[in-house]
C-alpha atoms as a PDB file:
ATOM      1  CA  UNK A   1     100.730  87.158  79.121  1.00  0.00           C
ATOM      2  CA  UNK A   2     103.799  85.619  80.710  1.00  0.00           C
ATOM      3  CA  UNK A   3     103.264  83.803  83.990  1.00  0.00           C
ATOM      4  CA  UNK A   4     106.088  82.928  86.356  1.00  0.00           C
ATOM      5  CA  UNK A   5     105.841  81.252  89.735  1.00  0.00           C
ATOM      6  CA  UNK A   6     108.091  80.097  92.514  1.00  0.00           C
ATOM      7  CA  UNK A   7     107.359  78.928  96.027  1.00  0.00           C
ATOM      8  CA  UNK A   8     106.390  82.330  97.415  1.00  0.00           C
ATOM      9  CA  UNK A   9     105.500  84.616  94.518  1.00  0.00           C
ATOM     10  CA  UNK A  10     103.564  84.362  91.282  1.00  0.00           C
ATOM     11  CA  UNK A  11     103.832  86.980  88.543  1.00  0.00           C
ATOM     12  CA  UNK A  12     101.270  87.618  85.861  1.00  0.00           C
ATOM     13  CA  UNK A  13     102.762  90.162  83.485  1.00  0.00           C
ATOM     14  CA  UNK A  14     103.226  93.299  85.584  1.00  0.00           C
ATOM     15  CA  UNK A  15     101.115  91.920  88.434  1.00  0.00           C
ATOM     16  CA  UNK A  16     102.472  90.012  91.409  1.00  0.00           C
ATOM     17  CA  UNK A  17     100.965  87.830  94.129  1.00  0.00           C
ATOM     18  CA  UNK A  18     103.067  87.035  97.192  1.00  0.00           C
ATOM     19  CA  UNK A  19     102.537  84.262  99.730  1.00  0.00           C
ATOM     20  CA  UNK A  20     103.766  86.486 102.543  1.00  0.00           C
ATOM     21  CA  UNK A  21     102.807  89.086 105.103  1.00  0.00           C
ATOM     22  CA  UNK A  22     102.264  92.279 103.133  1.00  0.00           C
ATOM     23  CA  UNK A  23     104.566  94.109 105.556  1.00  0.00           C
ATOM     24  CA  UNK A  24     107.486  92.286 103.925  1.00  0.00           C
ATOM     25  CA  UNK A  25     106.302  93.263 100.423  1.00  0.00           C
ATOM     26  CA  UNK A  26     105.541  96.978 100.480  1.00  0.00           C
ATOM     27  CA  UNK A  27     109.145  98.036  99.817  1.00  0.00           C
ATOM     28  CA  UNK A  28     109.200  95.830  96.698  1.00  0.00           C
ATOM     29  CA  UNK A  29     106.002  97.193  95.163  1.00  0.00           C
ATOM     30  CA  UNK A  30     105.567 100.260  93.001  1.00  0.00           C
ATOM     31  CA  UNK A  31     103.917 103.166  94.827  1.00  0.00           C
ATOM     32  CA  UNK A  32     100.126 102.822  94.731  1.00  0.00           C
ATOM     33  CA  UNK A  33      97.441 104.954  93.174  1.00  0.00           C
ATOM     34  CA  UNK A  34      94.880 102.822  95.005  1.00  0.00           C
ATOM     35  CA  UNK A  35      94.974 100.571  98.067  1.00  0.00           C
ATOM     36  CA  UNK A  36      92.098  98.140  98.601  1.00  0.00           C
ATOM     37  CA  UNK A  37      92.202  96.941 102.206  1.00  0.00           C
ATOM     38  CA  UNK A  38      90.043  93.920 103.029  1.00  0.00           C
ATOM     39  CA  UNK A  39      91.801  92.611 106.120  1.00  0.00           C
ATOM     40  CA  UNK A  40      90.799  91.632 109.650  1.00  0.00           C
ATOM     41  CA  UNK A  41      87.228  92.292 110.797  1.00  0.00           C
ATOM     42  CA  UNK A  42      87.813  91.204 114.391  1.00  0.00           C
ATOM     43  CA  UNK A  43      85.870  87.968 113.953  1.00  0.00           C
ATOM     44  CA  UNK A  44      88.677  85.477 114.662  1.00  0.00           C
ATOM     45  CA  UNK A  45      88.018  83.611 111.411  1.00  0.00           C
ATOM     46  CA  UNK A  46      91.646  83.059 110.353  1.00  0.00           C
ATOM     47  CA  UNK A  47      94.957  82.583 112.191  1.00  0.00           C
ATOM     48  CA  UNK A  48      96.149  85.844 113.711  1.00  0.00           C
ATOM     49  CA  UNK A  49      92.863  87.691 113.316  1.00  0.00           C
ATOM     50  CA  UNK A  50      91.728  89.400 116.553  1.00  0.00           C
ATOM     51  CA  UNK A  51      88.659  87.891 118.143  1.00  0.00           C
ATOM     52  CA  UNK A  52      86.925  91.201 118.684  1.00  0.00           C
ATOM     53  CA  UNK A  53      87.179  94.787 117.427  1.00  0.00           C
ATOM     54  CA  UNK A  54      89.207  96.239 120.316  1.00  0.00           C
ATOM     55  CA  UNK A  55      92.481  94.773 119.010  1.00  0.00           C
ATOM     56  CA  UNK A  56      91.984  95.881 115.399  1.00  0.00           C
ATOM     57  CA  UNK A  57      93.918  99.176 115.699  1.00  0.00           C
ATOM     58  CA  UNK A  58      97.013  97.285 116.884  1.00  0.00           C
ATOM     59  CA  UNK A  59      96.595  94.747 114.076  1.00  0.00           C
ATOM     60  CA  UNK A  60      96.314  97.412 111.387  1.00  0.00           C
ATOM     61  CA  UNK A  61      98.817  99.939 112.784  1.00  0.00           C
ATOM     62  CA  UNK A  62     102.012  98.769 111.008  1.00  0.00           C
ATOM     63  CA  UNK A  63     100.155  98.379 107.714  1.00  0.00           C
ATOM     64  CA  UNK A  64      98.588 101.842 107.815  1.00  0.00           C
ATOM     65  CA  UNK A  65     101.960 103.351 108.694  1.00  0.00           C
ATOM     66  CA  UNK A  66     103.532 101.612 105.687  1.00  0.00           C
ATOM     67  CA  UNK A  67     100.716 102.705 103.370  1.00  0.00           C
ATOM     68  CA  UNK A  68     101.346 106.285 104.430  1.00  0.00           C
ATOM     69  CA  UNK A  69     105.077 106.071 103.769  1.00  0.00           C
ATOM     70  CA  UNK A  70     104.601 104.655 100.283  1.00  0.00           C
ATOM     71  CA  UNK A  71     101.694 106.855  99.188  1.00  0.00           C
ATOM     72  CA  UNK A  72     101.469 110.367  97.801  1.00  0.00           C
ATOM     73  CA  UNK A  73      98.593 112.889  97.709  1.00  0.00           C
ATOM     74  CA  UNK A  74      97.199 111.154  94.644  1.00  0.00           C
ATOM     75  CA  UNK A  75      96.617 107.861  96.478  1.00  0.00           C
ATOM     76  CA  UNK A  76      93.158 106.589  97.404  1.00  0.00           C
ATOM     77  CA  UNK A  77      92.421 104.036 100.141  1.00  0.00           C
ATOM     78  CA  UNK A  78      89.270 101.922 100.179  1.00  0.00           C
ATOM     79  CA  UNK A  79      88.940 100.327 103.624  1.00  0.00           C
ATOM     80  CA  UNK A  80      86.554  97.359 103.923  1.00  0.00           C
ATOM     81  CA  UNK A  81      85.173  96.242 107.295  1.00  0.00           C
ATOM     82  CA  UNK A  82      82.076  95.828 109.387  1.00  0.00           C
ATOM     83  CA  UNK A  83      80.720  98.981 111.014  1.00  0.00           C
ATOM     84  CA  UNK A  84      82.311  98.572 114.459  1.00  0.00           C
ATOM     85  CA  UNK A  85      85.602  97.427 112.954  1.00  0.00           C
ATOM     86  CA  UNK A  86      85.872 100.539 110.819  1.00  0.00           C
ATOM     87  CA  UNK A  87      84.801 102.775 113.711  1.00  0.00           C
ATOM     88  CA  UNK A  88      87.654 101.678 115.973  1.00  0.00           C
ATOM     89  CA  UNK A  89      90.285 101.857 113.209  1.00  0.00           C
ATOM     90  CA  UNK A  90      89.154 105.195 111.743  1.00  0.00           C
ATOM     91  CA  UNK A  91      91.031 107.410 114.266  1.00  0.00           C
ATOM     92  CA  UNK A  92      94.258 105.550 113.482  1.00  0.00           C
ATOM     93  CA  UNK A  93      93.781 106.027 109.736  1.00  0.00           C
ATOM     94  CA  UNK A  94      93.281 109.762 110.239  1.00  0.00           C
ATOM     95  CA  UNK A  95      96.284 109.943 112.564  1.00  0.00           C
ATOM     96  CA  UNK A  96      98.483 108.671 109.738  1.00  0.00           C
ATOM     97  CA  UNK A  97      97.437 111.444 107.391  1.00  0.00           C
ATOM     98  CA  UNK A  98      94.427 110.031 105.573  1.00  0.00           C
ATOM     99  CA  UNK A  99      91.378 112.199 104.945  1.00  0.00           C
ATOM    100  CA  UNK A 100      87.898 110.734 105.189  1.00  0.00           C
ATOM    101  CA  UNK A 101      85.906 111.202 101.988  1.00  0.00           C
ATOM    102  CA  UNK A 102      82.839 108.972 102.178  1.00  0.00           C
ATOM    103  CA  UNK A 103      81.355 105.740 103.461  1.00  0.00           C
ATOM    104  CA  UNK A 104      79.737 103.255 101.105  1.00  0.00           C
ATOM    105  CA  UNK A 105      77.460 100.459 102.269  1.00  0.00           C
ATOM    106  CA  UNK A 106      77.404  97.032 100.672  1.00  0.00           C
ATOM    107  CA  UNK A 107      73.766  95.888 100.964  1.00  0.00           C
ATOM    108  CA  UNK A 108      73.654  92.134 100.335  1.00  0.00           C
ATOM    109  CA  UNK A 109      69.859  92.066 100.488  1.00  0.00           C
ATOM    110  CA  UNK A 110      67.357  90.132 102.575  1.00  0.00           C
ATOM    111  CA  UNK A 111      68.265  86.887 100.823  1.00  0.00           C
ATOM    112  CA  UNK A 112      71.547  86.947 102.721  1.00  0.00           C
ATOM    113  CA  UNK A 113      69.747  86.091 105.980  1.00  0.00           C
ATOM    114  CA  UNK A 114      66.466  84.621 104.744  1.00  0.00           C
ATOM    115  CA  UNK A 115      65.679  81.437 106.661  1.00  0.00           C
ATOM    116  CA  UNK A 116      68.711  81.874 108.952  1.00  0.00           C
ATOM    117  CA  UNK A 117      67.310  84.152 111.664  1.00  0.00           C
ATOM    118  CA  UNK A 118      65.888  82.728 114.906  1.00  0.00           C
ATOM    119  CA  UNK A 119      63.303  85.265 116.055  1.00  0.00           C
ATOM    120  CA  UNK A 120      63.286  83.742 119.546  1.00  0.00           C
ATOM    121  CA  UNK A 121      66.944  84.450 120.222  1.00  0.00           C
ATOM    122  CA  UNK A 122      67.929  87.419 118.055  1.00  0.00           C
ATOM    123  CA  UNK A 123      68.220  90.715 119.940  1.00  0.00           C
ATOM    124  CA  UNK A 124      68.676  93.153 117.059  1.00  0.00           C
ATOM    125  CA  UNK A 125      68.212  93.649 113.368  1.00  0.00           C
ATOM    126  CA  UNK A 126      69.737  91.054 111.031  1.00  0.00           C
ATOM    127  CA  UNK A 127      72.977  92.323 109.512  1.00  0.00           C
ATOM    128  CA  UNK A 128      73.197  92.272 105.712  1.00  0.00           C
ATOM    129  CA  UNK A 129      75.761  95.011 105.223  1.00  0.00           C
ATOM    130  CA  UNK A 130      79.468  95.788 105.247  1.00  0.00           C
ATOM    131  CA  UNK A 131      81.127  99.150 104.746  1.00  0.00           C
ATOM    132  CA  UNK A 132      83.844 100.303 102.387  1.00  0.00           C
ATOM    133  CA  UNK A 133      85.223 103.693 103.385  1.00  0.00           C
ATOM    134  CA  UNK A 134      87.120 105.918 100.967  1.00  0.00           C
ATOM    135  CA  UNK A 135      90.085 107.971 102.144  1.00  0.00           C
ATOM    136  CA  UNK A 136      92.560 110.180 100.321  1.00  0.00           C
ATOM    137  CA  UNK A 137      96.001 111.330 101.429  1.00  0.00           C
ATOM    138  CA  UNK A 138      96.105 114.737 103.070  1.00  0.00           C
ATOM    139  CA  UNK A 139      98.377 117.080 101.145  1.00  0.00           C
ATOM    140  CA  UNK A 140     100.292 119.839 102.926  1.00  0.00           C
ATOM    141  CA  UNK A 141     102.660 122.446 101.517  1.00  0.00           C
ATOM    142  CA  UNK A 142     105.255 124.690 103.116  1.00  0.00           C
ATOM    143  CA  UNK A 143     104.604 128.423 103.048  1.00  0.00           C
ATOM    144  CA  UNK A 144     107.237 131.145 102.876  1.00  0.00           C
ATOM    145  CA  UNK A 145     107.551 131.157 106.680  1.00  0.00           C
ATOM    146  CA  UNK A 146     108.374 127.443 106.715  1.00  0.00           C
ATOM    147  CA  UNK A 147     105.100 126.288 108.238  1.00  0.00           C
ATOM    148  CA  UNK A 148     103.090 123.540 106.588  1.00  0.00           C
ATOM    149  CA  UNK A 149      99.450 124.148 105.727  1.00  0.00           C
ATOM    150  CA  UNK A 150      96.585 122.321 104.103  1.00  0.00           C
ATOM    151  CA  UNK A 151      95.995 123.241 100.484  1.00  0.00           C
ATOM    152  CA  UNK A 152      93.124 125.630 101.215  1.00  0.00           C
ATOM    153  CA  UNK A 153      95.121 127.624 103.745  1.00  0.00           C
ATOM    154  CA  UNK A 154      98.288 127.525 101.627  1.00  0.00           C
ATOM    155  CA  UNK A 155      96.602 128.919  98.514  1.00  0.00           C
ATOM    156  CA  UNK A 156      95.140 131.867 100.397  1.00  0.00           C
ATOM    157  CA  UNK A 157      98.437 132.574 102.164  1.00  0.00           C
ATOM    158  CA  UNK A 158     100.324 132.609  98.864  1.00  0.00           C
ATOM    159  CA  UNK A 159      97.947 135.157  97.335  1.00  0.00           C
ATOM    160  CA  UNK A 160      98.031 137.352 100.426  1.00  0.00           C
ATOM    161  CA  UNK A 161     101.828 137.257 100.331  1.00  0.00           C
ATOM    162  CA  UNK A 162     101.692 139.116  97.025  1.00  0.00           C
ATOM    163  CA  UNK A 163     100.016 142.127  98.630  1.00  0.00           C
ATOM    164  CA  UNK A 164      97.464 142.277  95.794  1.00  0.00           C
ATOM    165  CA  UNK A 165      93.749 142.808  96.451  1.00  0.00           C
ATOM    166  CA  UNK A 166      91.822 139.573  96.538  1.00  0.00           C
ATOM    167  CA  UNK A 167      89.477 140.493  93.691  1.00  0.00           C
ATOM    168  CA  UNK A 168      92.360 140.486  91.203  1.00  0.00           C
ATOM    169  CA  UNK A 169      92.567 136.714  91.524  1.00  0.00           C
ATOM    170  CA  UNK A 170      89.426 136.488  89.384  1.00  0.00           C
ATOM    171  CA  UNK A 171      91.068 138.441  86.581  1.00  0.00           C
ATOM    172  CA  UNK A 172      94.172 136.290  86.921  1.00  0.00           C
ATOM    173  CA  UNK A 173      92.119 133.113  86.421  1.00  0.00           C
ATOM    174  CA  UNK A 174      89.781 134.563  83.808  1.00  0.00           C
ATOM    175  CA  UNK A 175      86.659 133.889  85.891  1.00  0.00           C
ATOM    176  CA  UNK A 176      83.856 136.065  87.199  1.00  0.00           C
ATOM    177  CA  UNK A 177      84.154 135.276  90.901  1.00  0.00           C
ATOM    178  CA  UNK A 178      85.212 131.632  91.279  1.00  0.00           C
ATOM    179  CA  UNK A 179      88.719 132.478  92.487  1.00  0.00           C
ATOM    180  CA  UNK A 180      87.598 134.583  95.438  1.00  0.00           C
ATOM    181  CA  UNK A 181      84.517 132.513  96.254  1.00  0.00           C
ATOM    182  CA  UNK A 182      86.033 129.050  95.815  1.00  0.00           C
ATOM    183  CA  UNK A 183      89.779 128.840  95.174  1.00  0.00           C
ATOM    184  CA  UNK A 184      90.947 131.292  97.862  1.00  0.00           C
ATOM    185  CA  UNK A 185      88.073 131.284 100.324  1.00  0.00           C
ATOM    186  CA  UNK A 186      88.427 130.371 103.999  1.00  0.00           C
ATOM    187  CA  UNK A 187      84.964 128.847 104.279  1.00  0.00           C
ATOM    188  CA  UNK A 188      83.345 125.509 103.462  1.00  0.00           C
ATOM    189  CA  UNK A 189      82.772 126.575  99.840  1.00  0.00           C
ATOM    190  CA  UNK A 190      86.454 126.033  99.078  1.00  0.00           C
ATOM    191  CA  UNK A 191      87.034 124.074  95.914  1.00  0.00           C
ATOM    192  CA  UNK A 192      90.257 122.461  94.694  1.00  0.00           C
ATOM    193  CA  UNK A 193      91.246 124.739  91.766  1.00  0.00           C
ATOM    194  CA  UNK A 194      92.343 123.320  88.424  1.00  0.00           C
ATOM    195  CA  UNK A 195      96.069 123.407  87.798  1.00  0.00           C
ATOM    196  CA  UNK A 196      95.671 126.048  85.094  1.00  0.00           C
ATOM    197  CA  UNK A 197      94.154 128.427  87.654  1.00  0.00           C
ATOM    198  CA  UNK A 198      97.016 127.972  90.113  1.00  0.00           C
ATOM    199  CA  UNK A 199      99.608 128.533  87.379  1.00  0.00           C
ATOM    200  CA  UNK A 200      97.717 131.639  86.235  1.00  0.00           C
ATOM    201  CA  UNK A 201      97.577 133.095  89.760  1.00  0.00           C
ATOM    202  CA  UNK A 202     101.295 132.450  90.157  1.00  0.00           C
ATOM    203  CA  UNK A 203     102.098 134.263  86.908  1.00  0.00           C
ATOM    204  CA  UNK A 204      99.856 137.204  87.864  1.00  0.00           C
ATOM    205  CA  UNK A 205     101.489 137.580  91.265  1.00  0.00           C
ATOM    206  CA  UNK A 206     104.992 137.330  89.798  1.00  0.00           C
ATOM    207  CA  UNK A 207     104.162 140.179  87.402  1.00  0.00           C
ATOM    208  CA  UNK A 208     102.078 142.439  89.631  1.00  0.00           C
ATOM    209  CA  UNK A 209     102.802 141.498  93.244  1.00  0.00           C
ATOM    210  CA  UNK A 210     105.451 142.669  95.658  1.00  0.00           C
ATOM    211  CA  UNK A 211     108.954 141.135  95.178  1.00  0.00           C
ATOM    212  CA  UNK A 212     108.812 137.440  95.995  1.00  0.00           C
ATOM    213  CA  UNK A 213     112.018 137.334  98.020  1.00  0.00           C
ATOM    214  CA  UNK A 214     113.493 134.573  95.900  1.00  0.00           C
ATOM    215  CA  UNK A 215     110.584 132.197  96.456  1.00  0.00           C
ATOM    216  CA  UNK A 216     108.250 132.122  93.438  1.00  0.00           C
ATOM    217  CA  UNK A 217     104.602 132.601  94.229  1.00  0.00           C
ATOM    218  CA  UNK A 218     102.611 129.392  94.606  1.00  0.00           C
ATOM    219  CA  UNK A 219     105.807 127.340  94.267  1.00  0.00           C
ATOM    220  CA  UNK A 220     105.296 123.723  95.319  1.00  0.00           C
ATOM    221  CA  UNK A 221     108.980 123.216  96.143  1.00  0.00           C
ATOM    222  CA  UNK A 222     110.028 126.750  97.039  1.00  0.00           C
ATOM    223  CA  UNK A 223     112.286 126.951  93.982  1.00  0.00           C
ATOM    224  CA  UNK A 224     110.218 126.896  90.800  1.00  0.00           C
ATOM    225  CA  UNK A 225     106.920 128.301  89.635  1.00  0.00           C
ATOM    226  CA  UNK A 226     104.130 125.706  89.679  1.00  0.00           C
ATOM    227  CA  UNK A 227     102.959 123.819  86.631  1.00  0.00           C
ATOM    228  CA  UNK A 228      99.342 122.864  86.121  1.00  0.00           C
ATOM    229  CA  UNK A 229     100.297 119.175  85.937  1.00  0.00           C
ATOM    230  CA  UNK A 230     102.249 119.234  89.210  1.00  0.00           C
ATOM    231  CA  UNK A 231      99.349 120.882  91.028  1.00  0.00           C
ATOM    232  CA  UNK A 232      96.756 118.472  89.646  1.00  0.00           C
ATOM    233  CA  UNK A 233      98.831 115.531  90.921  1.00  0.00           C
ATOM    234  CA  UNK A 234      98.177 116.714  94.473  1.00  0.00           C
ATOM    235  CA  UNK A 235      94.609 115.527  94.140  1.00  0.00           C
ATOM    236  CA  UNK A 236      93.469 111.908  94.087  1.00  0.00           C
ATOM    237  CA  UNK A 237      91.564 110.737  91.036  1.00  0.00           C
ATOM    238  CA  UNK A 238      87.817 110.452  90.899  1.00  0.00           C
ATOM    239  CA  UNK A 239      86.115 109.054  87.816  1.00  0.00           C
ATOM    240  CA  UNK A 240      82.422 109.632  88.390  1.00  0.00           C
ATOM    241  CA  UNK A 241      79.701 107.144  87.485  1.00  0.00           C
ATOM    242  CA  UNK A 242      76.166 108.471  87.103  1.00  0.00           C
ATOM    243  CA  UNK A 243      73.245 106.728  88.821  1.00  0.00           C
ATOM    244  CA  UNK A 244      75.583 105.233  91.441  1.00  0.00           C
ATOM    245  CA  UNK A 245      75.088 106.153  95.105  1.00  0.00           C
ATOM    246  CA  UNK A 246      76.928 105.238  98.291  1.00  0.00           C
ATOM    247  CA  UNK A 247      74.627 102.225  98.815  1.00  0.00           C
ATOM    248  CA  UNK A 248      75.813  99.299  96.708  1.00  0.00           C
ATOM    249  CA  UNK A 249      73.146  96.656  96.324  1.00  0.00           C
ATOM    250  CA  UNK A 250      74.818  93.442  95.300  1.00  0.00           C
ATOM    251  CA  UNK A 251      74.102  89.870  96.459  1.00  0.00           C
ATOM    252  CA  UNK A 252      76.797  87.931  98.273  1.00  0.00           C
ATOM    253  CA  UNK A 253      78.906  85.912  95.843  1.00  0.00           C
ATOM    254  CA  UNK A 254      77.345  82.648  94.680  1.00  0.00           C
ATOM    255  CA  UNK A 255      77.385  80.544  91.538  1.00  0.00           C
ATOM    256  CA  UNK A 256      80.445  80.123  89.327  1.00  0.00           C
ATOM    257  CA  UNK A 257      82.187  83.173  90.813  1.00  0.00           C
ATOM    258  CA  UNK A 258      82.248  81.643  94.310  1.00  0.00           C
ATOM    259  CA  UNK A 259      85.401  79.636  94.978  1.00  0.00           C
ATOM    260  CA  UNK A 260      84.858  76.394  96.861  1.00  0.00           C
ATOM    261  CA  UNK A 261      87.072  73.925  98.667  1.00  0.00           C
ATOM    262  CA  UNK A 262      88.486  71.420  96.158  1.00  0.00           C
ATOM    263  CA  UNK A 263      86.532  68.158  96.054  1.00  0.00           C
ATOM    264  CA  UNK A 264      83.882  69.679  98.295  1.00  0.00           C
ATOM    265  CA  UNK A 265      80.863  71.951  98.269  1.00  0.00           C
ATOM    266  CA  UNK A 266      81.903  74.338 101.053  1.00  0.00           C
ATOM    267  CA  UNK A 267      83.046  77.890 100.456  1.00  0.00           C
ATOM    268  CA  UNK A 268      86.803  78.322 100.723  1.00  0.00           C
ATOM    269  CA  UNK A 269      86.644  81.916 101.956  1.00  0.00           C
ATOM    270  CA  UNK A 270      83.967  83.163 104.331  1.00  0.00           C
ATOM    271  CA  UNK A 271      83.730  86.615 102.790  1.00  0.00           C
ATOM    272  CA  UNK A 272      84.659  86.602  99.111  1.00  0.00           C
ATOM    273  CA  UNK A 273      84.006  90.045  97.631  1.00  0.00           C
ATOM    274  CA  UNK A 274      82.042  90.438  94.382  1.00  0.00           C
ATOM    275  CA  UNK A 275      84.130  91.345  91.360  1.00  0.00           C
ATOM    276  CA  UNK A 276      81.504  93.932  90.453  1.00  0.00           C
ATOM    277  CA  UNK A 277      82.215  95.948  93.616  1.00  0.00           C
ATOM    278  CA  UNK A 278      85.977  95.696  93.260  1.00  0.00           C
ATOM    279  CA  UNK A 279      85.653  96.905  89.686  1.00  0.00           C
ATOM    280  CA  UNK A 280      83.738  99.979  90.888  1.00  0.00           C
ATOM    281  CA  UNK A 281      86.554 100.859  93.260  1.00  0.00           C
ATOM    282  CA  UNK A 282      89.247 100.398  90.647  1.00  0.00           C
ATOM    283  CA  UNK A 283      87.463 102.438  87.990  1.00  0.00           C
ATOM    284  CA  UNK A 284      86.516 105.241  90.400  1.00  0.00           C
ATOM    285  CA  UNK A 285      90.031 105.904  91.700  1.00  0.00           C
ATOM    286  CA  UNK A 286      92.476 104.934  88.942  1.00  0.00           C
ATOM    287  CA  UNK A 287      93.270 105.201  85.262  1.00  0.00           C
ATOM    288  CA  UNK A 288      94.805 102.517  83.023  1.00  0.00           C
ATOM    289  CA  UNK A 289      98.416 101.849  83.968  1.00  0.00           C
ATOM    290  CA  UNK A 290      97.965 102.953  87.599  1.00  0.00           C
ATOM    291  CA  UNK A 291      99.086 100.733  90.473  1.00  0.00           C
ATOM    292  CA  UNK A 292      96.626  98.928  92.770  1.00  0.00           C
ATOM    293  CA  UNK A 293      97.644  97.293  96.055  1.00  0.00           C
ATOM    294  CA  UNK A 294      95.654  94.500  97.697  1.00  0.00           C
ATOM    295  CA  UNK A 295      97.616  93.869 100.914  1.00  0.00           C
ATOM    296  CA  UNK A 296      95.234  91.248 102.314  1.00  0.00           C
ATOM    297  CA  UNK A 297      94.556  89.407  99.097  1.00  0.00           C
ATOM    298  CA  UNK A 298      92.348  86.549 100.236  1.00  0.00           C
ATOM    299  CA  UNK A 299      91.077  85.256  96.907  1.00  0.00           C
ATOM    300  CA  UNK A 300      92.310  88.455  95.183  1.00  0.00           C
ATOM    301  CA  UNK A 301      89.061  89.768  93.745  1.00  0.00           C
ATOM    302  CA  UNK A 302      90.563  93.267  93.792  1.00  0.00           C
ATOM    303  CA  UNK A 303      93.605  92.090  91.872  1.00  0.00           C
ATOM    304  CA  UNK A 304      91.479  90.338  89.253  1.00  0.00           C
ATOM    305  CA  UNK A 305      89.407  93.497  88.780  1.00  0.00           C
ATOM    306  CA  UNK A 306      92.528  95.662  88.585  1.00  0.00           C
ATOM    307  CA  UNK A 307      94.255  93.605  85.928  1.00  0.00           C
ATOM    308  CA  UNK A 308      91.085  93.192  83.887  1.00  0.00           C
ATOM    309  CA  UNK A 309      90.898  96.971  83.719  1.00  0.00           C
ATOM    310  CA  UNK A 310      94.501  97.368  82.598  1.00  0.00           C
ATOM    311  CA  UNK A 311      96.024  98.360  85.942  1.00  0.00           C
ATOM    312  CA  UNK A 312      99.225  97.101  87.557  1.00  0.00           C
ATOM    313  CA  UNK A 313      98.416  94.999  90.631  1.00  0.00           C
ATOM    314  CA  UNK A 314     100.388  93.883  93.686  1.00  0.00           C
ATOM    315  CA  UNK A 315      98.819  91.542  96.237  1.00  0.00           C
ATOM    316  CA  UNK A 316      99.898  89.527  99.261  1.00  0.00           C
ATOM    317  CA  UNK A 317      98.220  86.658 101.097  1.00  0.00           C
ATOM    318  CA  UNK A 318      99.813  84.985 104.097  1.00  0.00           C
ATOM    319  CA  UNK A 319      97.348  82.058 104.321  1.00  0.00           C
ATOM    320  CA  UNK A 320      98.742  79.224 102.184  1.00  0.00           C
ATOM    321  CA  UNK A 321      95.342  77.860 101.160  1.00  0.00           C
ATOM    322  CA  UNK A 322      93.992  81.244 100.113  1.00  0.00           C
ATOM    323  CA  UNK A 323      97.250  82.032  98.298  1.00  0.00           C
ATOM    324  CA  UNK A 324      97.063  78.846  96.249  1.00  0.00           C
ATOM    325  CA  UNK A 325      93.423  79.439  95.347  1.00  0.00           C
ATOM    326  CA  UNK A 326      94.131  83.051  94.367  1.00  0.00           C
ATOM    327  CA  UNK A 327      97.165  82.013  92.348  1.00  0.00           C
ATOM    328  CA  UNK A 328      95.136  79.363  90.522  1.00  0.00           C
ATOM    329  CA  UNK A 329      92.386  81.891  89.929  1.00  0.00           C
ATOM    330  CA  UNK A 330      94.772  84.389  88.343  1.00  0.00           C
ATOM    331  CA  UNK A 331      96.488  81.665  86.337  1.00  0.00           C
ATOM    332  CA  UNK A 332      93.138  80.455  84.983  1.00  0.00           C
ATOM    333  CA  UNK A 333      92.078  83.972  84.073  1.00  0.00           C
ATOM    334  CA  UNK A 334      95.393  84.520  82.309  1.00  0.00           C
ATOM    335  CA  UNK A 335      95.259  81.288  80.376  1.00  0.00           C
ATOM    336  CA  UNK A 336      91.780  82.178  79.154  1.00  0.00           C
ATOM    337  CA  UNK A 337      93.093  85.495  77.914  1.00  0.00           C
ATOM    338  CA  UNK A 338      90.652  87.434  80.041  1.00  0.00           C
ATOM    339  CA  UNK A 339      93.251  89.664  81.686  1.00  0.00           C
ATOM    340  CA  UNK A 340      94.729  92.516  79.720  1.00  0.00           C
ATOM    341  CA  UNK A 341      98.411  93.363  80.143  1.00  0.00           C
ATOM    342  CA  UNK A 342      98.818  96.428  82.325  1.00  0.00           C
END
């Protein structure tokens, strides 16, 4: 794989690593299928990081706004933080159009604090966890009256516009009752229908419904009938892994994977993420060839995992020392032939 480097950017095939604030990079990167955010925790551990959680929303605000502008409904966001850090940033993430899906807990195990807890001074339970919260982009579509609705409301409104009885939607989709009970319901049982079902309902309404007034039924753009592929792209990817729950038990990084200060025995980065966890995120939310962003690269564990799995990766790291270590890490991986071209 070709490797090119200059003072501020290193390229590894289709991947890039920038020694810069990610805010200056987003416009240069291909739109993401997945964003892995592992930025400020409010611990004041690196220059510019808030020393407390209260300032985290202000710190993240321009980044979250940029992620929203460059993402589409198929984009997934994994947001790493400690519990209080995520809690104060969560409302801002939702405000910018991201939908909460689930919270995963990284359990580092008792060994993470063994021998390091003073029972005379501690006033709570030892912390051995971090959280990684999964969000997807909220999709909205315009109805015939020009108002925007969520997908559940939009689907029902489009069928009702046809004037046909609701039960006919089952015949249109070739199902017993899934269309009325899941695809077009107003309740919590709503289920995102497969693209073939939406295209079938559109065709049925065009043939049997009242005149469409020049706007095809279930049209995503108001001009053309929907295709199954176009509808399916409104949903973020999820590649399920059996026997995996939302509690991820994985020790903190040690051994050969842990990057240390050159000519010393101290850890270079206080919170290096395990490659195993980054790989889970990449595989769950993307397919080969998809684009992964790591805006706060650190040592770029997410980027390594992405490229190993055949994804395109874009990362930024403003800290010069971390950037150099991440660049060397990617260069070493490349020279050993361990990264596949995306």
